[in-house]
Amino acid sequence: MRKLSWSNKKCVVCGEVIIRKPTYSQKMWKTAKYCSKKCWSVRGKIVKKKCENCGNEFSLPAHLMKLGQKREKRGCSRVCSYALTSAQNSYMWKGVRAKYERFRDALGNTNLYRNWKKDIKIRDGNRCVNCGKSEKHLHVHHIYPLAKIIEDEGWSMDRWTELYHSPNSRLWDRKNGVTICSDCHYSLISYALQSKGFSPK
């Protein structure tokens, strides 16, 4: 006998999870699209909305507009939708980093930067400040991101020689660095330290 599929389904109108009732047969569950009578009643209702990119008004059936969801339709066309979710408009946008990559790579190979990391590891007892683990390859994480420091202070390859004559730069501030293991670093726990205002003892 074939097993019933109890996997969760989402309402095509509001996006809420549809609760499968014991009275639902396999056929009824397969065709279920709405979580309630309210959503069923607006299934074919035409909804009008203003495009957030170009300002033109467009209309779609309610179940295609996906009302109430975080990923609600915001653009009248694919071009507008792409413009609203690409580059700096994307929720994953972290700023222009390409111009900083060369500087960051060069910075990591300097004795000054290596000594900065070494001092922080010694201060933290060569242990992860989050889980207390001690391992061979520990990371030094910037509480205030390195990319932001480079951007704020305007560092570039053209100003490379100035780097060694600026002891007051935030780049060399030992309070801005913490020792952390690779597991905590890659699991993004380290980024939570910044939001908590973590400062080493």
C-alpha atoms as a PDB file:
ATOM      1  CA  MET A   1       0.000   0.000   0.000  1.00  0.00           C
ATOM      2  CA  ARG A   2       1.268   3.475  -0.874  1.00  0.00           C
ATOM      3  CA  LYS A   3       2.113   5.775   2.038  1.00  0.00           C
ATOM      4  CA  LEU A   4       0.254   9.074   2.401  1.00  0.00           C
ATOM      5  CA  SER A   5       2.302  12.201   1.803  1.00  0.00           C
ATOM      6  CA  TRP A   6       2.182  14.371   4.934  1.00  0.00           C
ATOM      7  CA  SER A   7       4.637  16.964   3.685  1.00  0.00           C
ATOM      8  CA  ASN A   8       3.730  20.580   4.408  1.00  0.00           C
ATOM      9  CA  LYS A   9       2.077  22.668   1.717  1.00  0.00           C
ATOM     10  CA  LYS A  10       1.747  26.440   1.580  1.00  0.00           C
ATOM     11  CA  CYS A  11      -1.329  28.432   0.721  1.00  0.00           C
ATOM     12  CA  VAL A  12      -0.954  30.020  -2.722  1.00  0.00           C
ATOM     13  CA  VAL A  13      -2.642  33.236  -1.516  1.00  0.00           C
ATOM     14  CA  CYS A  14      -1.196  34.049   1.917  1.00  0.00           C
ATOM     15  CA  GLY A  15       1.772  31.687   2.098  1.00  0.00           C
ATOM     16  CA  GLU A  16       0.732  30.129   5.416  1.00  0.00           C
ATOM     17  CA  VAL A  17       1.228  26.401   5.993  1.00  0.00           C
ATOM     18  CA  ILE A  18      -1.896  24.355   5.216  1.00  0.00           C
ATOM     19  CA  ILE A  19      -2.805  22.071   8.128  1.00  0.00           C
ATOM     20  CA  ARG A  20      -3.829  18.648   6.921  1.00  0.00           C
ATOM     21  CA  LYS A  21      -6.996  17.496   8.647  1.00  0.00           C
ATOM     22  CA  PRO A  22      -7.613  13.802   9.393  1.00  0.00           C
ATOM     23  CA  THR A  23     -10.642  13.893   7.089  1.00  0.00           C
ATOM     24  CA  TYR A  24      -8.495  14.792   4.066  1.00  0.00           C
ATOM     25  CA  SER A  25      -8.121  11.972   1.582  1.00  0.00           C
ATOM     26  CA  GLN A  26      -4.989  11.544  -0.529  1.00  0.00           C
ATOM     27  CA  LYS A  27      -6.787  13.100  -3.505  1.00  0.00           C
ATOM     28  CA  MET A  28      -8.066  16.078  -1.487  1.00  0.00           C
ATOM     29  CA  TRP A  29      -4.593  16.725  -0.057  1.00  0.00           C
ATOM     30  CA  LYS A  30      -3.001  16.546  -3.500  1.00  0.00           C
ATOM     31  CA  THR A  31      -5.275  19.287  -4.843  1.00  0.00           C
ATOM     32  CA  ALA A  32      -5.316  21.470  -1.678  1.00  0.00           C
ATOM     33  CA  LYS A  33      -4.135  25.024  -2.419  1.00  0.00           C
ATOM     34  CA  TYR A  34      -5.778  27.244   0.195  1.00  0.00           C
ATOM     35  CA  CYS A  35      -5.465  27.350   3.991  1.00  0.00           C
ATOM     36  CA  SER A  36      -8.922  28.779   4.691  1.00  0.00           C
ATOM     37  CA  LYS A  37     -12.232  29.828   3.174  1.00  0.00           C
ATOM     38  CA  LYS A  38     -11.040  33.434   3.226  1.00  0.00           C
ATOM     39  CA  CYS A  39      -8.146  32.640   0.909  1.00  0.00           C
ATOM     40  CA  TRP A  40     -10.358  30.420  -1.242  1.00  0.00           C
ATOM     41  CA  SER A  41     -12.808  33.314  -1.691  1.00  0.00           C
ATOM     42  CA  VAL A  42     -10.121  35.597  -3.203  1.00  0.00           C
ATOM     43  CA  ARG A  43      -8.467  32.902  -5.344  1.00  0.00           C
ATOM     44  CA  GLY A  44      -9.503  34.524  -8.612  1.00  0.00           C
ATOM     45  CA  LYS A  45      -9.808  38.097  -7.389  1.00  0.00           C
ATOM     46  CA  ILE A  46      -7.830  40.597  -9.449  1.00  0.00           C
ATOM     47  CA  VAL A  47      -5.517  42.707  -7.291  1.00  0.00           C
ATOM     48  CA  LYS A  48      -4.066  46.012  -8.455  1.00  0.00           C
ATOM     49  CA  LYS A  49      -0.703  47.254  -7.314  1.00  0.00           C
ATOM     50  CA  LYS A  50       1.848  49.963  -8.105  1.00  0.00           C
ATOM     51  CA  CYS A  51       5.235  48.833  -9.401  1.00  0.00           C
ATOM     52  CA  GLU A  52       7.939  49.805  -6.908  1.00  0.00           C
ATOM     53  CA  ASN A  53      10.471  50.330  -9.708  1.00  0.00           C
ATOM     54  CA  CYS A  54       8.756  52.230 -12.524  1.00  0.00           C
ATOM     55  CA  GLY A  55       5.559  53.335 -10.758  1.00  0.00           C
ATOM     56  CA  ASN A  56       3.202  51.800 -13.329  1.00  0.00           C
ATOM     57  CA  GLU A  57       0.072  50.089 -12.045  1.00  0.00           C
ATOM     58  CA  PHE A  58      -0.305  46.380 -12.763  1.00  0.00           C
ATOM     59  CA  SER A  59      -2.888  43.767 -11.857  1.00  0.00           C
ATOM     60  CA  LEU A  60      -2.756  40.028 -11.195  1.00  0.00           C
ATOM     61  CA  PRO A  61      -4.947  37.380  -9.567  1.00  0.00           C
ATOM     62  CA  ALA A  62      -4.497  37.299  -5.786  1.00  0.00           C
ATOM     63  CA  HIS A  63      -2.897  33.844  -5.761  1.00  0.00           C
ATOM     64  CA  LEU A  64      -0.193  35.020  -8.190  1.00  0.00           C
ATOM     65  CA  MET A  65       0.448  38.230  -6.255  1.00  0.00           C
ATOM     66  CA  LYS A  66       1.205  36.117  -3.154  1.00  0.00           C
ATOM     67  CA  LEU A  67      -0.318  38.561  -0.700  1.00  0.00           C
ATOM     68  CA  GLY A  68       1.182  38.803   2.776  1.00  0.00           C
ATOM     69  CA  GLN A  69       4.445  37.030   1.920  1.00  0.00           C
ATOM     70  CA  LYS A  70       7.936  38.445   2.299  1.00  0.00           C
ATOM     71  CA  ARG A  71       8.566  37.610  -1.350  1.00  0.00           C
ATOM     72  CA  GLU A  72       5.484  39.407  -2.545  1.00  0.00           C
ATOM     73  CA  LYS A  73       5.500  40.474  -6.182  1.00  0.00           C
ATOM     74  CA  ARG A  74       6.884  44.019  -6.286  1.00  0.00           C
ATOM     75  CA  GLY A  75       7.552  44.638  -9.984  1.00  0.00           C
ATOM     76  CA  CYS A  76       5.276  44.791 -13.009  1.00  0.00           C
ATOM     77  CA  SER A  77       7.688  42.865 -15.252  1.00  0.00           C
ATOM     78  CA  ARG A  78      10.812  40.718 -15.138  1.00  0.00           C
ATOM     79  CA  VAL A  79      12.960  43.773 -15.846  1.00  0.00           C
ATOM     80  CA  CYS A  80      11.496  45.676 -12.888  1.00  0.00           C
ATOM     81  CA  SER A  81      11.636  42.639 -10.612  1.00  0.00           C
ATOM     82  CA  TYR A  82      15.315  42.148 -11.462  1.00  0.00           C
ATOM     83  CA  ALA A  83      16.066  45.831 -10.792  1.00  0.00           C
ATOM     84  CA  LEU A  84      14.388  45.588  -7.365  1.00  0.00           C
ATOM     85  CA  THR A  85      16.313  42.501  -6.248  1.00  0.00           C
ATOM     86  CA  SER A  86      19.757  42.840  -7.854  1.00  0.00           C
ATOM     87  CA  ALA A  87      22.990  44.495  -6.698  1.00  0.00           C
ATOM     88  CA  GLN A  88      22.537  46.858  -3.744  1.00  0.00           C
ATOM     89  CA  ASN A  89      18.781  46.171  -3.639  1.00  0.00           C
ATOM     90  CA  SER A  90      19.368  42.509  -2.790  1.00  0.00           C
ATOM     91  CA  TYR A  91      19.060  41.424   0.845  1.00  0.00           C
ATOM     92  CA  MET A  92      22.426  39.645   0.404  1.00  0.00           C
ATOM     93  CA  TRP A  93      24.243  42.794  -0.742  1.00  0.00           C
ATOM     94  CA  LYS A  94      27.382  43.418   1.311  1.00  0.00           C
ATOM     95  CA  GLY A  95      28.885  46.343  -0.547  1.00  0.00           C
ATOM     96  CA  VAL A  96      31.429  46.674  -3.331  1.00  0.00           C
ATOM     97  CA  ARG A  97      34.330  44.480  -2.297  1.00  0.00           C
ATOM     98  CA  ALA A  98      36.262  43.959  -5.523  1.00  0.00           C
ATOM     99  CA  LYS A  99      38.369  47.114  -5.138  1.00  0.00           C
ATOM    100  CA  TYR A 100      39.369  46.077  -1.605  1.00  0.00           C
ATOM    101  CA  GLU A 101      40.434  42.508  -2.399  1.00  0.00           C
ATOM    102  CA  ARG A 102      43.883  43.440  -3.676  1.00  0.00           C
ATOM    103  CA  PHE A 103      44.569  45.581  -0.617  1.00  0.00           C
ATOM    104  CA  ARG A 104      43.326  42.902   1.780  1.00  0.00           C
ATOM    105  CA  ASP A 105      45.478  40.209   0.159  1.00  0.00           C
ATOM    106  CA  ALA A 106      48.560  42.421   0.359  1.00  0.00           C
ATOM    107  CA  LEU A 107      47.768  43.358   3.974  1.00  0.00           C
ATOM    108  CA  GLY A 108      47.587  39.707   5.034  1.00  0.00           C
ATOM    109  CA  ASN A 109      51.172  39.125   3.878  1.00  0.00           C
ATOM    110  CA  THR A 110      52.732  41.899   5.962  1.00  0.00           C
ATOM    111  CA  ASN A 111      54.680  41.347   9.201  1.00  0.00           C
ATOM    112  CA  LEU A 112      52.683  44.140  10.851  1.00  0.00           C
ATOM    113  CA  TYR A 113      49.389  42.330  10.289  1.00  0.00           C
ATOM    114  CA  ARG A 114      50.836  38.960  11.308  1.00  0.00           C
ATOM    115  CA  ASN A 115      52.131  40.447  14.571  1.00  0.00           C
ATOM    116  CA  TRP A 116      48.707  42.016  15.194  1.00  0.00           C
ATOM    117  CA  LYS A 117      47.049  38.597  14.913  1.00  0.00           C
ATOM    118  CA  LYS A 118      49.736  36.942  17.031  1.00  0.00           C
ATOM    119  CA  ASP A 119      49.269  39.480  19.860  1.00  0.00           C
ATOM    120  CA  ILE A 120      45.493  38.903  19.911  1.00  0.00           C
ATOM    121  CA  LYS A 121      45.918  35.115  20.060  1.00  0.00           C
ATOM    122  CA  ILE A 122      48.343  35.445  22.973  1.00  0.00           C
ATOM    123  CA  ARG A 123      45.993  37.838  24.775  1.00  0.00           C
ATOM    124  CA  ASP A 124      43.082  35.375  24.405  1.00  0.00           C
ATOM    125  CA  GLY A 125      45.220  32.460  25.597  1.00  0.00           C
ATOM    126  CA  ASN A 126      45.189  30.769  22.177  1.00  0.00           C
ATOM    127  CA  ARG A 127      41.576  29.741  22.725  1.00  0.00           C
ATOM    128  CA  CYS A 128      38.289  30.484  20.952  1.00  0.00           C
ATOM    129  CA  VAL A 129      36.474  33.236  22.868  1.00  0.00           C
ATOM    130  CA  ASN A 130      33.126  31.685  21.917  1.00  0.00           C
ATOM    131  CA  CYS A 131      33.484  27.977  22.727  1.00  0.00           C
ATOM    132  CA  GLY A 132      36.868  27.843  24.480  1.00  0.00           C
ATOM    133  CA  LYS A 133      38.289  25.357  21.976  1.00  0.00           C
ATOM    134  CA  SER A 134      42.042  25.349  21.410  1.00  0.00           C
ATOM    135  CA  GLU A 135      43.215  24.137  18.024  1.00  0.00           C
ATOM    136  CA  LYS A 136      46.192  24.479  15.716  1.00  0.00           C
ATOM    137  CA  HIS A 137      44.664  26.888  13.210  1.00  0.00           C
ATOM    138  CA  LEU A 138      42.749  29.635  15.032  1.00  0.00           C
ATOM    139  CA  HIS A 139      41.250  32.632  13.241  1.00  0.00           C
ATOM    140  CA  VAL A 140      41.341  36.280  14.287  1.00  0.00           C
ATOM    141  CA  HIS A 141      37.982  37.869  13.609  1.00  0.00           C
ATOM    142  CA  HIS A 142      37.374  41.602  13.243  1.00  0.00           C
ATOM    143  CA  ILE A 143      34.493  42.783  15.434  1.00  0.00           C
ATOM    144  CA  TYR A 144      34.172  45.862  13.237  1.00  0.00           C
ATOM    145  CA  PRO A 145      34.600  44.376   9.718  1.00  0.00           C
ATOM    146  CA  LEU A 146      37.918  44.872   7.953  1.00  0.00           C
ATOM    147  CA  ALA A 147      36.126  45.871   4.723  1.00  0.00           C
ATOM    148  CA  LYS A 148      34.372  48.687   6.615  1.00  0.00           C
ATOM    149  CA  ILE A 149      37.658  49.923   8.109  1.00  0.00           C
ATOM    150  CA  ILE A 150      39.246  50.001   4.645  1.00  0.00           C
ATOM    151  CA  GLU A 151      36.234  51.893   3.301  1.00  0.00           C
ATOM    152  CA  ASP A 152      35.976  54.354   6.228  1.00  0.00           C
ATOM    153  CA  GLU A 153      39.668  55.249   6.238  1.00  0.00           C
ATOM    154  CA  GLY A 154      40.043  55.188   2.449  1.00  0.00           C
ATOM    155  CA  TRP A 155      42.868  52.653   2.315  1.00  0.00           C
ATOM    156  CA  SER A 156      44.090  51.574  -1.127  1.00  0.00           C
ATOM    157  CA  MET A 157      47.242  50.320  -2.834  1.00  0.00           C
ATOM    158  CA  ASP A 158      48.122  53.936  -3.673  1.00  0.00           C
ATOM    159  CA  ARG A 159      48.344  54.754   0.044  1.00  0.00           C
ATOM    160  CA  TRP A 160      50.209  51.594   0.991  1.00  0.00           C
ATOM    161  CA  THR A 161      53.277  53.369   2.438  1.00  0.00           C
ATOM    162  CA  GLU A 162      51.059  55.449   4.748  1.00  0.00           C
ATOM    163  CA  LEU A 163      49.832  52.285   6.424  1.00  0.00           C
ATOM    164  CA  TYR A 164      53.042  51.806   8.405  1.00  0.00           C
ATOM    165  CA  HIS A 165      53.046  55.434   9.560  1.00  0.00           C
ATOM    166  CA  SER A 166      49.517  55.390  10.986  1.00  0.00           C
ATOM    167  CA  PRO A 167      49.626  53.650  14.406  1.00  0.00           C
ATOM    168  CA  ASN A 168      46.271  55.246  15.341  1.00  0.00           C
ATOM    169  CA  SER A 169      44.450  53.475  12.505  1.00  0.00           C
ATOM    170  CA  ARG A 170      41.648  51.122  13.485  1.00  0.00           C
ATOM    171  CA  LEU A 171      43.438  48.442  11.503  1.00  0.00           C
ATOM    172  CA  TRP A 172      45.876  47.953  14.374  1.00  0.00           C
ATOM    173  CA  ASP A 173      43.420  48.305  17.241  1.00  0.00           C
ATOM    174  CA  ARG A 174      43.763  45.090  19.291  1.00  0.00           C
ATOM    175  CA  LYS A 175      40.361  45.677  20.920  1.00  0.00           C
ATOM    176  CA  ASN A 176      38.787  45.173  17.499  1.00  0.00           C
ATOM    177  CA  GLY A 177      40.057  41.594  17.148  1.00  0.00           C
ATOM    178  CA  VAL A 178      39.021  38.342  18.832  1.00  0.00           C
ATOM    179  CA  THR A 179      40.393  34.805  18.581  1.00  0.00           C
ATOM    180  CA  ILE A 180      37.884  32.316  17.241  1.00  0.00           C
ATOM    181  CA  CYS A 181      38.001  28.729  15.986  1.00  0.00           C
ATOM    182  CA  SER A 182      37.190  27.782  12.405  1.00  0.00           C
ATOM    183  CA  ASP A 183      33.915  26.053  13.338  1.00  0.00           C
ATOM    184  CA  CYS A 184      32.528  29.137  15.105  1.00  0.00           C
ATOM    185  CA  HIS A 185      33.796  31.421  12.371  1.00  0.00           C
ATOM    186  CA  TYR A 186      32.230  29.473   9.512  1.00  0.00           C
ATOM    187  CA  SER A 187      28.950  28.959  11.370  1.00  0.00           C
ATOM    188  CA  LEU A 188      28.600  32.769  11.606  1.00  0.00           C
ATOM    189  CA  ILE A 189      28.509  32.698  15.408  1.00  0.00           C
ATOM    190  CA  SER A 190      31.356  35.190  15.313  1.00  0.00           C
ATOM    191  CA  TYR A 191      29.175  37.749  13.551  1.00  0.00           C
ATOM    192  CA  ALA A 192      26.716  37.571  16.441  1.00  0.00           C
ATOM    193  CA  LEU A 193      29.517  38.780  18.744  1.00  0.00           C
ATOM    194  CA  GLN A 194      29.504  42.129  16.976  1.00  0.00           C
ATOM    195  CA  SER A 195      25.753  42.603  17.469  1.00  0.00           C
ATOM    196  CA  LYS A 196      26.149  41.785  21.167  1.00  0.00           C
ATOM    197  CA  GLY A 197      28.881  44.415  21.533  1.00  0.00           C
ATOM    198  CA  PHE A 198      31.463  41.800  22.490  1.00  0.00           C
ATOM    199  CA  SER A 199      34.759  43.113  23.826  1.00  0.00           C
ATOM    200  CA  PRO A 200      37.568  40.817  25.001  1.00  0.00           C
ATOM    201  CA  LYS A 201      38.596  40.749  28.677  1.00  0.00           C
END
